[in-house]
Amino acid sequence: MAEHASTNGSVRFIGTATTLITWRDLTVLTDPNFLHRGQYAYLGKGLVSRRRTEPALAPEDLPHLDAVVLSHLHGDHFDRIARRRLHREVPVLTTPKAATRLHQWGFSRSVGLRTWRHHTLAAADTTLRVTAVPGRHAPRGLPWLLPPVMGTVLDFSAPGAALRVYVTGDTLLFPGLAEIRDRFPGIDLMVVHLGGTTGGTTLPGGLVVTMDGRAGARLADLLRPGRVLPVHYDDYTVFRSGLADFLAAMRERGLGADVTVVAPGESLAL
């Protein structure tokens, strides 16, 4: 699909895994996290983590949103500020379990997507198909530790132009991700959640529950997207694998030129 991509929009990095993706007539917010530096996010099972960074935008700074794409319901992906201040009528596309909770909170247009199911949005001559793809937050055998997570493939299209974006969500590297390559060839941009997140002493053995730099590079090598945008790597104290780890691992695989690093508040043209 890369040969059809055009400069019709941008990805603005807000911080953590929060991005604002605009392409032609549609705008999508991912994993809204607006907590401030020093505030704590609740991650479940008694685990909290302190934010180290400031978000580049507040909810009041956002443009009109056509949807929110939420990988899972954790406090560093949908926090108490988002819950209070995002518009209740915006569709939230997420896991079925998260959608149930969001409905209880008043987000009445939330849509739960099982793996490989999709939801379509349209505005003017622009269409977006959002497909839920596999993700695994907790190691095999321990699914009860963490909420279900999904990755998403965002297929934008308009007359004469198209763009395919894969947002990994907080997944570990596991064999099921290879099916994404088979079903969705030609990914133009992969937004990869990193961090090598651990639970410290709260989770058994200090388990790692997101990709570290080496795992992220292995996934990029598997899927071979046109570009890679790293996110979710330095914002919280539970993150153990920073941006430098990922960049070094990508260089080792000969993929360093495919990475675009965007500072919070800055944008990548699409």
C-alpha atoms as a PDB file:
ATOM      1  CA  MET A   1       0.000   0.000   0.000  1.00  0.00           C
ATOM      2  CA  ALA A   2       2.975   2.326   0.463  1.00  0.00           C
ATOM      3  CA  GLU A   3       2.999   3.385  -3.187  1.00  0.00           C
ATOM      4  CA  HIS A   4      -0.482   4.899  -2.721  1.00  0.00           C
ATOM      5  CA  ALA A   5       0.358   6.932   0.388  1.00  0.00           C
ATOM      6  CA  SER A   6       0.239  10.693   0.026  1.00  0.00           C
ATOM      7  CA  THR A   7       0.891  13.741   2.178  1.00  0.00           C
ATOM      8  CA  ASN A   8      -2.722  14.219   3.167  1.00  0.00           C
ATOM      9  CA  GLY A   9      -2.352  14.433   6.913  1.00  0.00           C
ATOM     10  CA  SER A  10      -0.153  13.969   9.949  1.00  0.00           C
ATOM     11  CA  VAL A  11       0.443  12.129  13.189  1.00  0.00           C
ATOM     12  CA  ARG A  12       0.958  14.468  16.126  1.00  0.00           C
ATOM     13  CA  PHE A  13       2.634  12.862  19.127  1.00  0.00           C
ATOM     14  CA  ILE A  14       1.087  14.017  22.422  1.00  0.00           C
ATOM     15  CA  GLY A  15       2.964  11.697  24.771  1.00  0.00           C
ATOM     16  CA  THR A  16       2.937   8.102  26.113  1.00  0.00           C
ATOM     17  CA  ALA A  17       0.868   6.275  23.431  1.00  0.00           C
ATOM     18  CA  THR A  18      -1.358   9.265  22.704  1.00  0.00           C
ATOM     19  CA  THR A  19      -1.305  10.449  19.108  1.00  0.00           C
ATOM     20  CA  LEU A  20      -3.593  12.586  16.986  1.00  0.00           C
ATOM     21  CA  ILE A  21      -3.893  11.080  13.511  1.00  0.00           C
ATOM     22  CA  THR A  22      -5.456  13.328  10.867  1.00  0.00           C
ATOM     23  CA  TRP A  23      -5.861  12.220   7.279  1.00  0.00           C
ATOM     24  CA  ARG A  24      -7.937  14.307   4.918  1.00  0.00           C
ATOM     25  CA  ASP A  25     -11.393  14.681   6.513  1.00  0.00           C
ATOM     26  CA  LEU A  26     -10.971  12.328   9.482  1.00  0.00           C
ATOM     27  CA  THR A  27      -9.218  12.752  12.834  1.00  0.00           C
ATOM     28  CA  VAL A  28      -8.578   9.959  15.346  1.00  0.00           C
ATOM     29  CA  LEU A  29      -7.090  10.127  18.840  1.00  0.00           C
ATOM     30  CA  THR A  30      -5.244   7.092  20.178  1.00  0.00           C
ATOM     31  CA  ASP A  31      -4.916   5.967  23.819  1.00  0.00           C
ATOM     32  CA  PRO A  32      -5.738   9.288  25.527  1.00  0.00           C
ATOM     33  CA  ASN A  33      -3.390   9.990  28.442  1.00  0.00           C
ATOM     34  CA  PHE A  34      -3.418  13.560  29.793  1.00  0.00           C
ATOM     35  CA  LEU A  35      -2.034  13.103  33.296  1.00  0.00           C
ATOM     36  CA  HIS A  36       0.661  15.614  34.249  1.00  0.00           C
ATOM     37  CA  ARG A  37       4.225  15.072  35.367  1.00  0.00           C
ATOM     38  CA  GLY A  38       4.254  13.703  38.908  1.00  0.00           C
ATOM     39  CA  GLN A  39       0.715  12.330  38.801  1.00  0.00           C
ATOM     40  CA  TYR A  40       0.081   8.617  39.185  1.00  0.00           C
ATOM     41  CA  ALA A  41      -1.647   6.280  36.760  1.00  0.00           C
ATOM     42  CA  TYR A  42      -3.473   3.238  38.113  1.00  0.00           C
ATOM     43  CA  LEU A  43      -2.485   0.104  36.186  1.00  0.00           C
ATOM     44  CA  GLY A  44      -4.485  -2.533  38.054  1.00  0.00           C
ATOM     45  CA  LYS A  45      -3.571  -5.312  40.510  1.00  0.00           C
ATOM     46  CA  GLY A  46      -2.396  -2.657  42.973  1.00  0.00           C
ATOM     47  CA  LEU A  47       0.181  -1.269  40.533  1.00  0.00           C
ATOM     48  CA  VAL A  48       0.561   2.484  40.064  1.00  0.00           C
ATOM     49  CA  SER A  49       3.201   4.427  38.161  1.00  0.00           C
ATOM     50  CA  ARG A  50       4.288   8.063  38.297  1.00  0.00           C
ATOM     51  CA  ARG A  51       4.375  10.077  35.100  1.00  0.00           C
ATOM     52  CA  ARG A  52       7.749  11.599  34.212  1.00  0.00           C
ATOM     53  CA  THR A  53       6.642  13.799  31.303  1.00  0.00           C
ATOM     54  CA  GLU A  54       4.049  16.415  30.383  1.00  0.00           C
ATOM     55  CA  PRO A  55       1.464  15.779  27.655  1.00  0.00           C
ATOM     56  CA  ALA A  56       1.786  18.132  24.711  1.00  0.00           C
ATOM     57  CA  LEU A  57      -1.966  18.850  24.633  1.00  0.00           C
ATOM     58  CA  ALA A  58      -4.934  18.902  27.010  1.00  0.00           C
ATOM     59  CA  PRO A  59      -8.381  17.610  26.010  1.00  0.00           C
ATOM     60  CA  GLU A  60      -9.527  21.204  25.475  1.00  0.00           C
ATOM     61  CA  ASP A  61      -6.789  21.691  22.860  1.00  0.00           C
ATOM     62  CA  LEU A  62      -7.996  18.874  20.638  1.00  0.00           C
ATOM     63  CA  PRO A  63      -9.781  19.420  17.332  1.00  0.00           C
ATOM     64  CA  HIS A  64     -13.056  17.697  16.503  1.00  0.00           C
ATOM     65  CA  LEU A  65     -12.560  13.946  16.885  1.00  0.00           C
ATOM     66  CA  ASP A  66     -14.229  11.384  14.664  1.00  0.00           C
ATOM     67  CA  ALA A  67     -13.155   8.558  16.981  1.00  0.00           C
ATOM     68  CA  VAL A  68     -10.865   7.456  19.774  1.00  0.00           C
ATOM     69  CA  VAL A  69      -8.928   4.234  19.225  1.00  0.00           C
ATOM     70  CA  LEU A  70      -8.150   2.643  22.590  1.00  0.00           C
ATOM     71  CA  SER A  71      -5.879  -0.396  22.798  1.00  0.00           C
ATOM     72  CA  HIS A  72      -6.949  -1.297  26.353  1.00  0.00           C
ATOM     73  CA  LEU A  73      -8.280   0.213  29.533  1.00  0.00           C
ATOM     74  CA  HIS A  74      -5.229   1.067  31.640  1.00  0.00           C
ATOM     75  CA  GLY A  75      -4.607   4.345  33.458  1.00  0.00           C
ATOM     76  CA  ASP A  76      -1.758   5.360  31.153  1.00  0.00           C
ATOM     77  CA  HIS A  77      -3.985   4.875  28.086  1.00  0.00           C
ATOM     78  CA  PHE A  78      -7.358   6.186  29.244  1.00  0.00           C
ATOM     79  CA  ASP A  79      -6.878   8.189  32.409  1.00  0.00           C
ATOM     80  CA  ARG A  80      -9.158  10.031  34.802  1.00  0.00           C
ATOM     81  CA  ILE A  81      -8.675  13.301  32.876  1.00  0.00           C
ATOM     82  CA  ALA A  82      -9.806  11.662  29.639  1.00  0.00           C
ATOM     83  CA  ARG A  83     -12.740  10.110  31.455  1.00  0.00           C
ATOM     84  CA  ARG A  84     -13.879  13.490  32.790  1.00  0.00           C
ATOM     85  CA  ARG A  85     -13.117  15.786  29.879  1.00  0.00           C
ATOM     86  CA  LEU A  86     -13.425  13.931  26.589  1.00  0.00           C
ATOM     87  CA  HIS A  87     -16.770  14.386  24.857  1.00  0.00           C
ATOM     88  CA  ARG A  88     -19.119  11.540  25.750  1.00  0.00           C
ATOM     89  CA  GLU A  89     -20.488  11.321  22.203  1.00  0.00           C
ATOM     90  CA  VAL A  90     -17.181  10.509  20.500  1.00  0.00           C
ATOM     91  CA  PRO A  91     -17.047   6.852  19.370  1.00  0.00           C
ATOM     92  CA  VAL A  92     -14.403   4.860  21.253  1.00  0.00           C
ATOM     93  CA  LEU A  93     -13.202   1.799  19.334  1.00  0.00           C
ATOM     94  CA  THR A  94     -11.676  -0.671  21.741  1.00  0.00           C
ATOM     95  CA  THR A  95     -11.828  -4.193  23.171  1.00  0.00           C
ATOM     96  CA  PRO A  96     -15.242  -5.597  24.109  1.00  0.00           C
ATOM     97  CA  LYS A  97     -14.346  -5.586  27.811  1.00  0.00           C
ATOM     98  CA  ALA A  98     -13.216  -1.960  27.726  1.00  0.00           C
ATOM     99  CA  ALA A  99     -16.298  -0.930  25.731  1.00  0.00           C
ATOM    100  CA  THR A 100     -18.558  -2.378  28.426  1.00  0.00           C
ATOM    101  CA  ARG A 101     -16.847  -0.297  31.101  1.00  0.00           C
ATOM    102  CA  LEU A 102     -16.867   2.836  28.948  1.00  0.00           C
ATOM    103  CA  HIS A 103     -20.620   2.478  28.410  1.00  0.00           C
ATOM    104  CA  GLN A 104     -20.986   2.425  32.196  1.00  0.00           C
ATOM    105  CA  TRP A 105     -19.018   5.686  32.327  1.00  0.00           C
ATOM    106  CA  GLY A 106     -21.332   7.359  29.817  1.00  0.00           C
ATOM    107  CA  PHE A 107     -19.383   6.876  26.568  1.00  0.00           C
ATOM    108  CA  SER A 108     -22.491   5.557  24.889  1.00  0.00           C
ATOM    109  CA  ARG A 109     -21.012   5.202  21.392  1.00  0.00           C
ATOM    110  CA  SER A 110     -18.164   2.921  22.415  1.00  0.00           C
ATOM    111  CA  VAL A 111     -17.700  -0.075  20.121  1.00  0.00           C
ATOM    112  CA  GLY A 112     -16.106  -3.344  21.227  1.00  0.00           C
ATOM    113  CA  LEU A 113     -14.118  -5.022  18.459  1.00  0.00           C
ATOM    114  CA  ARG A 114     -13.099  -8.651  18.618  1.00  0.00           C
ATOM    115  CA  THR A 115      -9.923  -9.657  16.801  1.00  0.00           C
ATOM    116  CA  TRP A 116     -10.202  -9.195  12.996  1.00  0.00           C
ATOM    117  CA  ARG A 117     -13.513  -7.326  13.301  1.00  0.00           C
ATOM    118  CA  HIS A 118     -13.663  -3.817  11.895  1.00  0.00           C
ATOM    119  CA  HIS A 119     -15.626  -0.581  12.187  1.00  0.00           C
ATOM    120  CA  THR A 120     -15.917   1.994   9.391  1.00  0.00           C
ATOM    121  CA  LEU A 121     -16.037   5.778   9.636  1.00  0.00           C
ATOM    122  CA  ALA A 122     -16.615   8.258   6.824  1.00  0.00           C
ATOM    123  CA  ALA A 123     -16.558  12.015   6.300  1.00  0.00           C
ATOM    124  CA  ALA A 124     -16.865  13.800   2.958  1.00  0.00           C
ATOM    125  CA  ASP A 125     -14.811  11.678   0.506  1.00  0.00           C
ATOM    126  CA  THR A 126     -12.656  10.033   3.189  1.00  0.00           C
ATOM    127  CA  THR A 127     -13.234   6.571   4.654  1.00  0.00           C
ATOM    128  CA  LEU A 128     -11.477   4.884   7.557  1.00  0.00           C
ATOM    129  CA  ARG A 129     -11.732   1.187   8.355  1.00  0.00           C
ATOM    130  CA  VAL A 130     -10.419   0.340  11.840  1.00  0.00           C
ATOM    131  CA  THR A 131      -9.623  -3.355  12.299  1.00  0.00           C
ATOM    132  CA  ALA A 132      -8.767  -4.962  15.635  1.00  0.00           C
ATOM    133  CA  VAL A 133      -5.673  -7.163  15.347  1.00  0.00           C
ATOM    134  CA  PRO A 134      -3.960  -9.500  17.834  1.00  0.00           C
ATOM    135  CA  GLY A 135      -2.241  -8.259  20.957  1.00  0.00           C
ATOM    136  CA  ARG A 136      -1.048  -9.939  24.139  1.00  0.00           C
ATOM    137  CA  HIS A 137      -0.273  -7.803  27.199  1.00  0.00           C
ATOM    138  CA  ALA A 138       0.443 -10.573  29.705  1.00  0.00           C
ATOM    139  CA  PRO A 139       2.707 -13.575  29.127  1.00  0.00           C
ATOM    140  CA  ARG A 140       1.057 -16.808  28.018  1.00  0.00           C
ATOM    141  CA  GLY A 141      -0.729 -18.551  30.851  1.00  0.00           C
ATOM    142  CA  LEU A 142      -1.293 -15.360  32.838  1.00  0.00           C
ATOM    143  CA  PRO A 143      -4.116 -13.534  30.982  1.00  0.00           C
ATOM    144  CA  TRP A 144      -5.855 -12.673  34.251  1.00  0.00           C
ATOM    145  CA  LEU A 145      -3.017 -10.321  35.222  1.00  0.00           C
ATOM    146  CA  LEU A 146      -3.824  -7.570  32.728  1.00  0.00           C
ATOM    147  CA  PRO A 147      -6.816  -6.397  30.685  1.00  0.00           C
ATOM    148  CA  PRO A 148      -7.320  -7.620  27.111  1.00  0.00           C
ATOM    149  CA  VAL A 149      -5.424  -5.529  24.572  1.00  0.00           C
ATOM    150  CA  MET A 150      -5.766  -5.061  20.841  1.00  0.00           C
ATOM    151  CA  GLY A 151      -3.649  -3.645  18.096  1.00  0.00           C
ATOM    152  CA  THR A 152      -5.360  -1.756  15.297  1.00  0.00           C
ATOM    153  CA  VAL A 153      -4.907  -1.356  11.576  1.00  0.00           C
ATOM    154  CA  LEU A 154      -6.231   1.951  10.295  1.00  0.00           C
ATOM    155  CA  ASP A 155      -6.985   1.910   6.571  1.00  0.00           C
ATOM    156  CA  PHE A 156      -7.657   5.419   5.274  1.00  0.00           C
ATOM    157  CA  SER A 157      -8.894   5.846   1.720  1.00  0.00           C
ATOM    158  CA  ALA A 158     -10.114   8.583  -0.593  1.00  0.00           C
ATOM    159  CA  PRO A 159     -10.272   8.921  -4.369  1.00  0.00           C
ATOM    160  CA  GLY A 160      -6.738   8.408  -5.647  1.00  0.00           C
ATOM    161  CA  ALA A 161      -5.099   7.992  -2.235  1.00  0.00           C
ATOM    162  CA  ALA A 162      -4.783   5.503   0.607  1.00  0.00           C
ATOM    163  CA  LEU A 163      -2.823   5.047   3.811  1.00  0.00           C
ATOM    164  CA  ARG A 164      -2.365   2.039   6.108  1.00  0.00           C
ATOM    165  CA  VAL A 165      -1.286   2.583   9.735  1.00  0.00           C
ATOM    166  CA  TYR A 166      -0.677  -0.179  12.284  1.00  0.00           C
ATOM    167  CA  VAL A 167      -0.808   0.794  15.967  1.00  0.00           C
ATOM    168  CA  THR A 168       0.623  -2.087  17.993  1.00  0.00           C
ATOM    169  CA  GLY A 169      -1.030  -1.415  21.341  1.00  0.00           C
ATOM    170  CA  ASP A 170       0.691  -2.654  24.491  1.00  0.00           C
ATOM    171  CA  THR A 171       1.568  -6.065  23.147  1.00  0.00           C
ATOM    172  CA  LEU A 172       4.386  -8.487  23.714  1.00  0.00           C
ATOM    173  CA  LEU A 173       6.059 -10.104  20.726  1.00  0.00           C
ATOM    174  CA  PHE A 174       4.377 -13.460  20.043  1.00  0.00           C
ATOM    175  CA  PRO A 175       3.788 -15.669  16.973  1.00  0.00           C
ATOM    176  CA  GLY A 176       0.218 -14.481  16.436  1.00  0.00           C
ATOM    177  CA  LEU A 177       1.477 -11.105  15.223  1.00  0.00           C
ATOM    178  CA  ALA A 178       2.740 -12.720  12.013  1.00  0.00           C
ATOM    179  CA  GLU A 179      -0.851 -12.993  10.789  1.00  0.00           C
ATOM    180  CA  ILE A 180      -1.003  -9.196  10.650  1.00  0.00           C
ATOM    181  CA  ARG A 181       1.694  -9.302   7.961  1.00  0.00           C
ATOM    182  CA  ASP A 182      -0.309 -11.869   6.005  1.00  0.00           C
ATOM    183  CA  ARG A 183      -3.667 -10.092   6.238  1.00  0.00           C
ATOM    184  CA  PHE A 184      -2.392  -6.506   5.950  1.00  0.00           C
ATOM    185  CA  PRO A 185       0.623  -6.294   3.645  1.00  0.00           C
ATOM    186  CA  GLY A 186       2.100  -2.932   2.763  1.00  0.00           C
ATOM    187  CA  ILE A 187       1.877  -1.121   6.104  1.00  0.00           C
ATOM    188  CA  ASP A 188       2.886   2.494   5.531  1.00  0.00           C
ATOM    189  CA  LEU A 189       3.460   3.390   9.179  1.00  0.00           C
ATOM    190  CA  MET A 190       3.819   1.319  12.342  1.00  0.00           C
ATOM    191  CA  VAL A 191       3.249   3.156  15.610  1.00  0.00           C
ATOM    192  CA  VAL A 192       5.066   0.867  18.036  1.00  0.00           C
ATOM    193  CA  HIS A 193       4.427   0.794  21.794  1.00  0.00           C
ATOM    194  CA  LEU A 194       7.694   0.087  23.579  1.00  0.00           C
ATOM    195  CA  GLY A 195       8.962   0.606  27.130  1.00  0.00           C
ATOM    196  CA  GLY A 196       9.783  -2.919  28.286  1.00  0.00           C
ATOM    197  CA  THR A 197       7.198  -2.229  30.981  1.00  0.00           C
ATOM    198  CA  THR A 198       7.562  -4.172  34.217  1.00  0.00           C
ATOM    199  CA  GLY A 199       5.410  -4.512  37.286  1.00  0.00           C
ATOM    200  CA  GLY A 200       8.357  -4.226  39.669  1.00  0.00           C
ATOM    201  CA  THR A 201       7.560  -6.303  42.728  1.00  0.00           C
ATOM    202  CA  THR A 202       3.810  -5.976  42.265  1.00  0.00           C
ATOM    203  CA  LEU A 203       3.459  -8.497  39.443  1.00  0.00           C
ATOM    204  CA  PRO A 204       4.958 -11.982  39.813  1.00  0.00           C
ATOM    205  CA  GLY A 205       8.693 -11.925  39.159  1.00  0.00           C
ATOM    206  CA  GLY A 206       8.631  -8.357  37.854  1.00  0.00           C
ATOM    207  CA  LEU A 207       7.161  -9.602  34.559  1.00  0.00           C
ATOM    208  CA  VAL A 208       7.765  -7.627  31.381  1.00  0.00           C
ATOM    209  CA  VAL A 209       4.409  -6.775  29.786  1.00  0.00           C
ATOM    210  CA  THR A 210       5.270  -4.602  26.767  1.00  0.00           C
ATOM    211  CA  MET A 211       7.919  -4.896  24.074  1.00  0.00           C
ATOM    212  CA  ASP A 212      11.411  -3.661  24.857  1.00  0.00           C
ATOM    213  CA  GLY A 213      13.645  -2.181  22.167  1.00  0.00           C
ATOM    214  CA  ARG A 214      14.850  -5.516  20.827  1.00  0.00           C
ATOM    215  CA  ALA A 215      11.339  -6.974  20.601  1.00  0.00           C
ATOM    216  CA  GLY A 216      10.081  -3.851  18.856  1.00  0.00           C
ATOM    217  CA  ALA A 217      12.869  -4.112  16.287  1.00  0.00           C
ATOM    218  CA  ARG A 218      12.076  -7.787  15.706  1.00  0.00           C
ATOM    219  CA  LEU A 219       8.456  -6.865  15.011  1.00  0.00           C
ATOM    220  CA  ALA A 220       9.544  -4.157  12.572  1.00  0.00           C
ATOM    221  CA  ASP A 221      11.760  -6.715  10.834  1.00  0.00           C
ATOM    222  CA  LEU A 222       8.804  -9.104  10.603  1.00  0.00           C
ATOM    223  CA  LEU A 223       6.269  -6.619   9.237  1.00  0.00           C
ATOM    224  CA  ARG A 224       8.610  -4.295   7.289  1.00  0.00           C
ATOM    225  CA  PRO A 225       6.473  -1.140   7.421  1.00  0.00           C
ATOM    226  CA  GLY A 226       7.472   1.846   5.333  1.00  0.00           C
ATOM    227  CA  ARG A 227       8.127   3.920   8.462  1.00  0.00           C
ATOM    228  CA  VAL A 228       8.214   3.291  12.186  1.00  0.00           C
ATOM    229  CA  LEU A 229       7.156   5.785  14.851  1.00  0.00           C
ATOM    230  CA  PRO A 230       8.231   4.763  18.395  1.00  0.00           C
ATOM    231  CA  VAL A 231       6.012   5.809  21.323  1.00  0.00           C
ATOM    232  CA  HIS A 232       5.403   4.687  24.929  1.00  0.00           C
ATOM    233  CA  TYR A 233       9.041   4.487  26.005  1.00  0.00           C
ATOM    234  CA  ASP A 234       9.945   7.039  28.694  1.00  0.00           C
ATOM    235  CA  ASP A 235       6.802   8.538  30.220  1.00  0.00           C
ATOM    236  CA  TYR A 236       6.343   6.360  33.312  1.00  0.00           C
ATOM    237  CA  THR A 237       8.517   4.868  36.016  1.00  0.00           C
ATOM    238  CA  VAL A 238       7.497   1.310  35.053  1.00  0.00           C
ATOM    239  CA  PHE A 239       9.171   1.724  31.642  1.00  0.00           C
ATOM    240  CA  ARG A 240      12.590   0.056  31.583  1.00  0.00           C
ATOM    241  CA  SER A 241      13.614   0.106  27.924  1.00  0.00           C
ATOM    242  CA  GLY A 242      14.027   3.570  26.447  1.00  0.00           C
ATOM    243  CA  LEU A 243      14.220   4.984  22.954  1.00  0.00           C
ATOM    244  CA  ALA A 244      17.982   4.436  22.697  1.00  0.00           C
ATOM    245  CA  ASP A 245      17.487   0.678  23.096  1.00  0.00           C
ATOM    246  CA  PHE A 246      15.060   0.587  20.197  1.00  0.00           C
ATOM    247  CA  LEU A 247      17.174   2.755  17.916  1.00  0.00           C
ATOM    248  CA  ALA A 248      20.245   0.599  18.557  1.00  0.00           C
ATOM    249  CA  ALA A 249      18.290  -2.598  17.876  1.00  0.00           C
ATOM    250  CA  MET A 250      16.891  -1.170  14.637  1.00  0.00           C
ATOM    251  CA  ARG A 251      20.403  -0.205  13.484  1.00  0.00           C
ATOM    252  CA  GLU A 252      21.646  -3.712  14.249  1.00  0.00           C
ATOM    253  CA  ARG A 253      18.984  -5.068  11.897  1.00  0.00           C
ATOM    254  CA  GLY A 254      19.747  -2.529   9.194  1.00  0.00           C
ATOM    255  CA  LEU A 255      16.419  -0.783   9.735  1.00  0.00           C
ATOM    256  CA  GLY A 256      17.611   2.440  11.348  1.00  0.00           C
ATOM    257  CA  ALA A 257      16.639   4.565   8.357  1.00  0.00           C
ATOM    258  CA  ASP A 258      13.016   3.444   8.701  1.00  0.00           C
ATOM    259  CA  VAL A 259      12.574   5.085  12.138  1.00  0.00           C
ATOM    260  CA  THR A 260      11.161   8.576  12.567  1.00  0.00           C
ATOM    261  CA  VAL A 261      11.417   9.980  16.084  1.00  0.00           C
ATOM    262  CA  VAL A 262       8.848  12.666  16.882  1.00  0.00           C
ATOM    263  CA  ALA A 263       9.071  14.697  20.081  1.00  0.00           C
ATOM    264  CA  PRO A 264       5.860  15.388  22.031  1.00  0.00           C
ATOM    265  CA  GLY A 265       3.997  18.228  20.357  1.00  0.00           C
ATOM    266  CA  GLU A 266       5.623  17.613  16.971  1.00  0.00           C
ATOM    267  CA  SER A 267       4.105  15.936  13.927  1.00  0.00           C
ATOM    268  CA  LEU A 268       4.998  13.442  11.246  1.00  0.00           C
ATOM    269  CA  ALA A 269       3.578  14.157   7.781  1.00  0.00           C
ATOM    270  CA  LEU A 270       1.525  11.391   6.173  1.00  0.00           C
END
